[in-house]
Amino acid sequence: MNKELINFIDFVKSKDGIGNKTVLIDEVQNKFKLTKDRSVYYSKSFAVRFSYSSSLSFSNTVISLSNLHKYDSQPFLVCLVTPAKNILYMANTTFLQKVSHSSQQLRADNIRGSINGSDIVKKFGKLANEPDNFEKLF
């Protein structure tokens, strides 16, 4: 796994309990200088979308499928910020259970729909979708 991604994962874990998505984004930006594209922050090594939930589960809309498609050649992470912990998931298209109903008529030349947090696969085969397994998962 790329050193920048390892440093990012370690940094996000060190901020467990921050409980505020905006504050975490500001701290990540100060340290990693990621480029912002709408709601996605990215570098040459990875891309990340931050989301907030008051609990460990979340069903918020995370990203449109067409926007995710732009980052699918590198690790795409979702960082769920909760009051007690920051949780990272790999959310490349391989790790999606489904896409929203707005994806009717989905084709290679007509990428539509969006994903919710609940659509991200939390276990892929025998591997949990967590940072310790990201290298194997990607």
N, C-alpha and C. Protein backbone atom coordinates (compact mmCIF):
# COMPACT_ATOMS: atom_id res chain seq x y z
N MET A 1 0.85 -1.18 0.00
CA MET A 1 0.00 0.00 0.00
C MET A 1 0.90 1.23 0.00
N ASN A 2 0.48 2.24 -0.69
CA ASN A 2 1.22 3.49 -0.82
C ASN A 2 1.42 4.17 0.53
N LYS A 3 2.61 4.74 0.73
CA LYS A 3 2.95 5.37 2.01
C LYS A 3 2.00 6.54 2.34
N GLU A 4 1.62 7.31 1.35
CA GLU A 4 0.70 8.43 1.60
C GLU A 4 -0.64 7.91 2.13
N LEU A 5 -1.12 6.82 1.56
CA LEU A 5 -2.39 6.25 2.03
C LEU A 5 -2.26 5.71 3.45
N ILE A 6 -1.15 5.04 3.74
CA ILE A 6 -0.90 4.55 5.11
C ILE A 6 -0.88 5.71 6.09
N ASN A 7 -0.19 6.79 5.73
CA ASN A 7 -0.13 7.97 6.61
C ASN A 7 -1.52 8.59 6.80
N PHE A 8 -2.31 8.61 5.74
CA PHE A 8 -3.66 9.14 5.83
C PHE A 8 -4.50 8.30 6.80
N ILE A 9 -4.45 6.99 6.63
CA ILE A 9 -5.22 6.08 7.51
C ILE A 9 -4.81 6.28 8.96
N ASP A 10 -3.51 6.32 9.22
CA ASP A 10 -3.02 6.51 10.58
C ASP A 10 -3.47 7.86 11.15
N PHE A 11 -3.44 8.89 10.32
CA PHE A 11 -3.85 10.23 10.77
C PHE A 11 -5.33 10.24 11.13
N VAL A 12 -6.17 9.67 10.27
CA VAL A 12 -7.62 9.64 10.52
C VAL A 12 -7.90 8.86 11.80
N LYS A 13 -7.22 7.73 11.99
CA LYS A 13 -7.40 6.95 13.22
C LYS A 13 -6.99 7.76 14.44
N SER A 14 -5.94 8.55 14.31
CA SER A 14 -5.46 9.35 15.45
C SER A 14 -6.46 10.44 15.84
N LYS A 15 -7.40 10.72 14.97
CA LYS A 15 -8.41 11.76 15.21
C LYS A 15 -9.75 11.18 15.67
N ASP A 16 -9.75 9.88 16.07
CA ASP A 16 -10.98 9.29 16.63
C ASP A 16 -11.53 10.19 17.72
N GLY A 17 -12.83 10.38 17.72
CA GLY A 17 -13.48 11.19 18.74
C GLY A 17 -13.57 12.66 18.38
N ILE A 18 -13.04 13.05 17.22
CA ILE A 18 -13.12 14.46 16.80
C ILE A 18 -14.59 14.85 16.61
N GLY A 19 -15.40 13.92 16.10
CA GLY A 19 -16.84 14.09 16.04
C GLY A 19 -17.37 15.19 15.15
N ASN A 20 -16.51 15.79 14.33
CA ASN A 20 -16.94 16.89 13.49
C ASN A 20 -16.29 16.74 12.12
N LYS A 21 -17.11 16.48 11.11
CA LYS A 21 -16.61 16.23 9.76
C LYS A 21 -15.81 17.42 9.22
N THR A 22 -16.31 18.62 9.41
CA THR A 22 -15.65 19.82 8.89
C THR A 22 -14.28 20.02 9.52
N VAL A 23 -14.18 19.82 10.82
CA VAL A 23 -12.90 19.96 11.52
C VAL A 23 -11.92 18.91 11.02
N LEU A 24 -12.37 17.67 10.85
CA LEU A 24 -11.49 16.62 10.35
C LEU A 24 -11.02 16.93 8.94
N ILE A 25 -11.92 17.38 8.08
CA ILE A 25 -11.53 17.74 6.72
C ILE A 25 -10.46 18.84 6.75
N ASP A 26 -10.65 19.86 7.58
CA ASP A 26 -9.67 20.94 7.68
C ASP A 26 -8.31 20.41 8.11
N GLU A 27 -8.29 19.52 9.09
CA GLU A 27 -7.02 18.96 9.57
C GLU A 27 -6.37 18.07 8.51
N VAL A 28 -7.17 17.29 7.81
CA VAL A 28 -6.65 16.46 6.72
C VAL A 28 -6.07 17.35 5.63
N GLN A 29 -6.79 18.41 5.28
CA GLN A 29 -6.31 19.32 4.24
C GLN A 29 -4.99 19.99 4.63
N ASN A 30 -4.87 20.40 5.90
CA ASN A 30 -3.64 21.03 6.36
C ASN A 30 -2.45 20.08 6.26
N LYS A 31 -2.69 18.80 6.51
CA LYS A 31 -1.60 17.82 6.51
C LYS A 31 -1.30 17.25 5.12
N PHE A 32 -2.35 16.94 4.34
CA PHE A 32 -2.14 16.21 3.09
C PHE A 32 -2.31 17.03 1.81
N LYS A 33 -2.87 18.22 1.91
CA LYS A 33 -3.04 19.10 0.75
C LYS A 33 -3.74 18.40 -0.42
N LEU A 34 -4.84 17.71 -0.13
CA LEU A 34 -5.59 17.00 -1.16
C LEU A 34 -6.32 18.00 -2.06
N THR A 35 -6.56 17.60 -3.28
CA THR A 35 -7.33 18.42 -4.21
C THR A 35 -8.81 18.14 -3.99
N LYS A 36 -9.62 19.19 -3.99
CA LYS A 36 -11.06 19.03 -3.78
C LYS A 36 -11.78 19.07 -5.12
N ASP A 37 -12.62 18.07 -5.36
CA ASP A 37 -13.48 18.01 -6.53
C ASP A 37 -14.89 17.76 -6.04
N ARG A 38 -15.67 18.81 -5.92
CA ARG A 38 -16.99 18.76 -5.32
C ARG A 38 -16.86 18.25 -3.90
N SER A 39 -17.35 17.07 -3.59
CA SER A 39 -17.27 16.57 -2.22
C SER A 39 -16.18 15.52 -2.03
N VAL A 40 -15.36 15.32 -3.04
CA VAL A 40 -14.29 14.33 -2.98
C VAL A 40 -12.95 15.04 -2.86
N TYR A 41 -12.10 14.49 -2.01
CA TYR A 41 -10.73 14.98 -1.83
C TYR A 41 -9.81 13.88 -2.36
N TYR A 42 -8.82 14.26 -3.18
CA TYR A 42 -7.99 13.22 -3.79
C TYR A 42 -6.54 13.67 -3.97
N SER A 43 -5.70 12.66 -4.15
CA SER A 43 -4.30 12.85 -4.50
C SER A 43 -4.00 11.84 -5.60
N LYS A 44 -2.72 11.68 -5.93
CA LYS A 44 -2.35 10.67 -6.92
C LYS A 44 -2.52 9.26 -6.37
N SER A 45 -2.59 9.12 -5.05
CA SER A 45 -2.60 7.81 -4.40
C SER A 45 -3.98 7.29 -4.02
N PHE A 46 -4.91 8.18 -3.71
CA PHE A 46 -6.22 7.76 -3.23
C PHE A 46 -7.19 8.93 -3.31
N ALA A 47 -8.48 8.59 -3.12
CA ALA A 47 -9.54 9.60 -3.03
C ALA A 47 -10.39 9.27 -1.82
N VAL A 48 -11.00 10.30 -1.24
CA VAL A 48 -11.81 10.08 -0.03
C VAL A 48 -13.02 11.01 -0.03
N ARG A 49 -14.11 10.48 0.48
CA ARG A 49 -15.32 11.26 0.69
C ARG A 49 -15.64 11.15 2.18
N PHE A 50 -15.84 12.28 2.83
CA PHE A 50 -16.15 12.31 4.25
C PHE A 50 -17.66 12.36 4.44
N SER A 51 -18.13 11.64 5.46
CA SER A 51 -19.55 11.61 5.78
C SER A 51 -19.69 11.63 7.30
N TYR A 52 -20.81 12.08 7.80
CA TYR A 52 -21.03 12.13 9.25
C TYR A 52 -22.28 11.34 9.60
N SER A 53 -22.22 10.67 10.75
CA SER A 53 -23.38 10.01 11.32
C SER A 53 -23.26 10.05 12.83
N SER A 54 -24.38 10.18 13.50
CA SER A 54 -24.36 10.19 14.97
C SER A 54 -24.22 8.78 15.54
N SER A 55 -24.27 7.76 14.66
CA SER A 55 -24.10 6.37 15.11
C SER A 55 -23.11 5.67 14.18
N LEU A 56 -22.86 4.39 14.43
CA LEU A 56 -21.90 3.63 13.62
C LEU A 56 -22.47 3.17 12.29
N SER A 57 -23.76 3.34 12.08
CA SER A 57 -24.35 3.00 10.79
C SER A 57 -24.74 4.29 10.08
N PHE A 58 -24.77 4.20 8.77
CA PHE A 58 -25.19 5.41 8.05
C PHE A 58 -25.82 5.03 6.72
N SER A 59 -26.81 5.80 6.36
CA SER A 59 -27.50 5.55 5.10
C SER A 59 -27.48 6.81 4.22
N ASN A 60 -26.69 7.80 4.63
CA ASN A 60 -26.59 9.04 3.85
C ASN A 60 -26.14 8.72 2.42
N THR A 61 -26.55 9.57 1.49
CA THR A 61 -26.02 9.46 0.14
C THR A 61 -24.55 9.86 0.19
N VAL A 62 -23.71 9.02 -0.39
CA VAL A 62 -22.26 9.23 -0.32
C VAL A 62 -21.75 9.94 -1.56
N ILE A 63 -22.08 9.40 -2.72
CA ILE A 63 -21.52 9.93 -3.96
C ILE A 63 -22.34 9.43 -5.14
N SER A 64 -22.33 10.19 -6.21
CA SER A 64 -22.98 9.72 -7.43
C SER A 64 -22.08 8.68 -8.08
N LEU A 65 -22.68 7.75 -8.76
CA LEU A 65 -21.91 6.70 -9.42
C LEU A 65 -21.00 7.29 -10.51
N SER A 66 -21.47 8.30 -11.21
CA SER A 66 -20.64 8.91 -12.25
C SER A 66 -19.41 9.60 -11.65
N ASN A 67 -19.55 10.19 -10.48
CA ASN A 67 -18.40 10.82 -9.82
C ASN A 67 -17.45 9.75 -9.28
N LEU A 68 -17.99 8.70 -8.69
CA LEU A 68 -17.15 7.60 -8.20
C LEU A 68 -16.35 6.98 -9.33
N HIS A 69 -16.96 6.85 -10.49
CA HIS A 69 -16.32 6.24 -11.65
C HIS A 69 -14.98 6.93 -11.98
N LYS A 70 -14.91 8.24 -11.76
CA LYS A 70 -13.67 8.99 -12.05
C LYS A 70 -12.49 8.54 -11.20
N TYR A 71 -12.76 7.98 -10.01
CA TYR A 71 -11.70 7.63 -9.06
C TYR A 71 -11.52 6.12 -8.90
N ASP A 72 -12.17 5.34 -9.73
CA ASP A 72 -12.19 3.89 -9.52
C ASP A 72 -10.86 3.20 -9.80
N SER A 73 -9.91 3.88 -10.40
CA SER A 73 -8.61 3.27 -10.69
C SER A 73 -7.64 3.38 -9.52
N GLN A 74 -8.06 4.03 -8.45
CA GLN A 74 -7.24 4.15 -7.25
C GLN A 74 -8.13 3.86 -6.05
N PRO A 75 -7.56 3.60 -4.88
CA PRO A 75 -8.41 3.36 -3.71
C PRO A 75 -9.34 4.55 -3.46
N PHE A 76 -10.62 4.27 -3.39
CA PHE A 76 -11.61 5.29 -3.04
C PHE A 76 -12.15 4.94 -1.67
N LEU A 77 -11.95 5.83 -0.71
CA LEU A 77 -12.35 5.58 0.66
C LEU A 77 -13.52 6.47 1.06
N VAL A 78 -14.33 5.95 1.95
CA VAL A 78 -15.34 6.76 2.62
C VAL A 78 -14.93 6.80 4.08
N CYS A 79 -14.85 8.02 4.61
CA CYS A 79 -14.52 8.21 6.02
C CYS A 79 -15.80 8.61 6.73
N LEU A 80 -16.30 7.71 7.56
CA LEU A 80 -17.49 7.99 8.35
C LEU A 80 -17.04 8.58 9.69
N VAL A 81 -17.38 9.82 9.91
CA VAL A 81 -17.03 10.51 11.15
C VAL A 81 -18.22 10.35 12.10
N THR A 82 -17.95 9.78 13.26
CA THR A 82 -18.98 9.63 14.29
C THR A 82 -18.47 10.33 15.55
N PRO A 83 -19.31 10.51 16.54
CA PRO A 83 -18.85 11.18 17.77
C PRO A 83 -17.68 10.47 18.45
N ALA A 84 -17.62 9.15 18.34
CA ALA A 84 -16.59 8.41 19.07
C ALA A 84 -15.44 7.92 18.20
N LYS A 85 -15.68 7.72 16.91
CA LYS A 85 -14.69 7.04 16.08
C LYS A 85 -14.82 7.46 14.63
N ASN A 86 -13.71 7.42 13.90
CA ASN A 86 -13.71 7.63 12.46
C ASN A 86 -13.54 6.25 11.81
N ILE A 87 -14.43 5.91 10.91
CA ILE A 87 -14.40 4.59 10.29
C ILE A 87 -14.12 4.75 8.80
N LEU A 88 -13.16 3.99 8.31
CA LEU A 88 -12.80 4.05 6.90
C LEU A 88 -13.27 2.78 6.19
N TYR A 89 -13.89 2.98 5.02
CA TYR A 89 -14.32 1.88 4.17
C TYR A 89 -13.74 2.08 2.78
N MET A 90 -13.38 1.00 2.12
CA MET A 90 -13.05 1.05 0.71
C MET A 90 -14.39 1.05 -0.01
N ALA A 91 -14.57 1.97 -0.95
CA ALA A 91 -15.88 2.12 -1.60
C ALA A 91 -15.79 2.18 -3.12
N ASN A 92 -14.74 1.58 -3.69
CA ASN A 92 -14.68 1.48 -5.14
C ASN A 92 -15.90 0.69 -5.63
N THR A 93 -16.18 0.74 -6.91
CA THR A 93 -17.40 0.10 -7.42
C THR A 93 -17.47 -1.39 -7.11
N THR A 94 -16.35 -2.05 -6.94
CA THR A 94 -16.33 -3.47 -6.57
C THR A 94 -17.01 -3.70 -5.23
N PHE A 95 -17.04 -2.69 -4.37
CA PHE A 95 -17.52 -2.84 -3.01
C PHE A 95 -18.94 -2.29 -2.80
N LEU A 96 -19.71 -2.26 -3.87
CA LEU A 96 -21.08 -1.77 -3.79
C LEU A 96 -22.06 -2.93 -3.91
N GLN A 97 -23.02 -2.96 -3.01
CA GLN A 97 -24.08 -3.98 -3.07
C GLN A 97 -25.14 -3.61 -4.09
N LYS A 98 -25.40 -2.32 -4.17
CA LYS A 98 -26.44 -1.85 -5.09
C LYS A 98 -26.22 -0.36 -5.34
N VAL A 99 -26.95 0.15 -6.30
CA VAL A 99 -26.95 1.57 -6.64
C VAL A 99 -28.39 2.02 -6.55
N SER A 100 -28.60 3.28 -6.22
CA SER A 100 -29.96 3.79 -6.01
C SER A 100 -30.87 3.56 -7.21
N HIS A 101 -32.17 3.69 -6.96
CA HIS A 101 -33.19 3.48 -7.99
C HIS A 101 -33.03 4.43 -9.17
N SER A 102 -32.36 5.54 -8.98
CA SER A 102 -32.20 6.50 -10.09
C SER A 102 -31.24 5.98 -11.14
N SER A 103 -30.74 4.77 -10.95
CA SER A 103 -29.80 4.20 -11.91
C SER A 103 -30.50 3.42 -13.02
N GLN A 104 -31.82 3.60 -13.18
CA GLN A 104 -32.52 2.93 -14.27
C GLN A 104 -31.86 3.30 -15.59
N GLN A 105 -31.79 2.37 -16.47
CA GLN A 105 -31.14 2.54 -17.77
C GLN A 105 -29.64 2.75 -17.64
N LEU A 106 -29.04 2.20 -16.57
CA LEU A 106 -27.60 2.28 -16.36
C LEU A 106 -26.89 1.50 -17.46
N ARG A 107 -25.95 2.14 -18.13
CA ARG A 107 -25.13 1.52 -19.17
C ARG A 107 -23.74 2.13 -19.09
N ALA A 108 -22.80 1.54 -19.78
CA ALA A 108 -21.42 2.06 -19.79
C ALA A 108 -21.38 3.50 -20.29
N ASP A 109 -22.29 3.85 -21.20
CA ASP A 109 -22.32 5.21 -21.74
C ASP A 109 -23.38 6.08 -21.07
N ASN A 110 -23.99 5.57 -19.98
CA ASN A 110 -25.03 6.31 -19.27
C ASN A 110 -24.92 5.97 -17.78
N ILE A 111 -23.88 6.48 -17.14
CA ILE A 111 -23.64 6.17 -15.73
C ILE A 111 -24.50 7.08 -14.88
N ARG A 112 -25.41 6.45 -14.13
CA ARG A 112 -26.39 7.20 -13.35
C ARG A 112 -26.53 6.58 -11.98
N GLY A 113 -27.17 7.31 -11.08
CA GLY A 113 -27.48 6.80 -9.76
C GLY A 113 -26.47 7.26 -8.73
N SER A 114 -26.71 6.87 -7.51
CA SER A 114 -25.83 7.24 -6.42
C SER A 114 -25.77 6.09 -5.43
N ILE A 115 -24.80 6.17 -4.51
CA ILE A 115 -24.69 5.13 -3.50
C ILE A 115 -24.90 5.75 -2.13
N ASN A 116 -25.46 4.96 -1.26
CA ASN A 116 -25.63 5.33 0.14
C ASN A 116 -24.61 4.57 0.96
N GLY A 117 -24.38 5.03 2.17
CA GLY A 117 -23.44 4.35 3.05
C GLY A 117 -23.81 2.90 3.28
N SER A 118 -25.09 2.62 3.35
CA SER A 118 -25.54 1.25 3.56
C SER A 118 -25.30 0.36 2.35
N ASP A 119 -24.98 0.95 1.19
CA ASP A 119 -24.73 0.17 -0.02
C ASP A 119 -23.30 -0.35 -0.10
N ILE A 120 -22.41 0.14 0.77
CA ILE A 120 -21.01 -0.28 0.75
C ILE A 120 -20.89 -1.64 1.43
N VAL A 121 -20.25 -2.58 0.75
CA VAL A 121 -20.05 -3.92 1.29
C VAL A 121 -19.11 -3.81 2.50
N LYS A 122 -19.54 -4.35 3.64
CA LYS A 122 -18.73 -4.28 4.86
C LYS A 122 -17.82 -5.50 5.01
N LYS A 123 -18.10 -6.54 4.22
CA LYS A 123 -17.26 -7.73 4.23
C LYS A 123 -17.21 -8.26 2.80
N PHE A 124 -16.00 -8.51 2.30
CA PHE A 124 -15.79 -8.99 0.94
C PHE A 124 -15.16 -10.37 1.03
N GLY A 125 -15.93 -11.40 0.76
CA GLY A 125 -15.44 -12.76 1.01
C GLY A 125 -15.22 -12.91 2.50
N LYS A 126 -14.01 -13.29 2.88
CA LYS A 126 -13.68 -13.43 4.30
C LYS A 126 -13.02 -12.18 4.88
N LEU A 127 -12.81 -11.17 4.05
CA LEU A 127 -12.11 -9.96 4.49
C LEU A 127 -13.07 -8.85 4.88
N ALA A 128 -12.89 -8.33 6.08
CA ALA A 128 -13.66 -7.17 6.51
C ALA A 128 -13.18 -5.95 5.72
N ASN A 129 -14.11 -5.07 5.40
CA ASN A 129 -13.77 -3.84 4.69
C ASN A 129 -13.26 -2.83 5.71
N GLU A 130 -11.98 -2.95 6.04
CA GLU A 130 -11.33 -2.09 7.03
C GLU A 130 -9.89 -1.86 6.62
N PRO A 131 -9.25 -0.82 7.14
CA PRO A 131 -7.91 -0.45 6.71
C PRO A 131 -6.87 -1.57 6.72
N ASP A 132 -6.92 -2.48 7.68
CA ASP A 132 -5.95 -3.57 7.72
C ASP A 132 -6.01 -4.46 6.48
N ASN A 133 -7.14 -4.44 5.80
CA ASN A 133 -7.32 -5.29 4.61
C ASN A 133 -7.33 -4.52 3.30
N PHE A 134 -7.17 -3.20 3.33
CA PHE A 134 -7.29 -2.40 2.11
C PHE A 134 -6.34 -2.85 1.00
N GLU A 135 -5.12 -3.18 1.35
CA GLU A 135 -4.17 -3.59 0.30
C GLU A 135 -4.66 -4.85 -0.39
N LYS A 136 -5.14 -5.82 0.37
CA LYS A 136 -5.65 -7.06 -0.23
C LYS A 136 -6.95 -6.79 -0.99
N LEU A 137 -7.79 -5.95 -0.47
CA LEU A 137 -9.07 -5.67 -1.10
C LEU A 137 -8.90 -4.93 -2.42
N PHE A 138 -7.97 -3.99 -2.47
CA PHE A 138 -7.81 -3.21 -3.70
C PHE A 138 -7.08 -4.03 -4.74
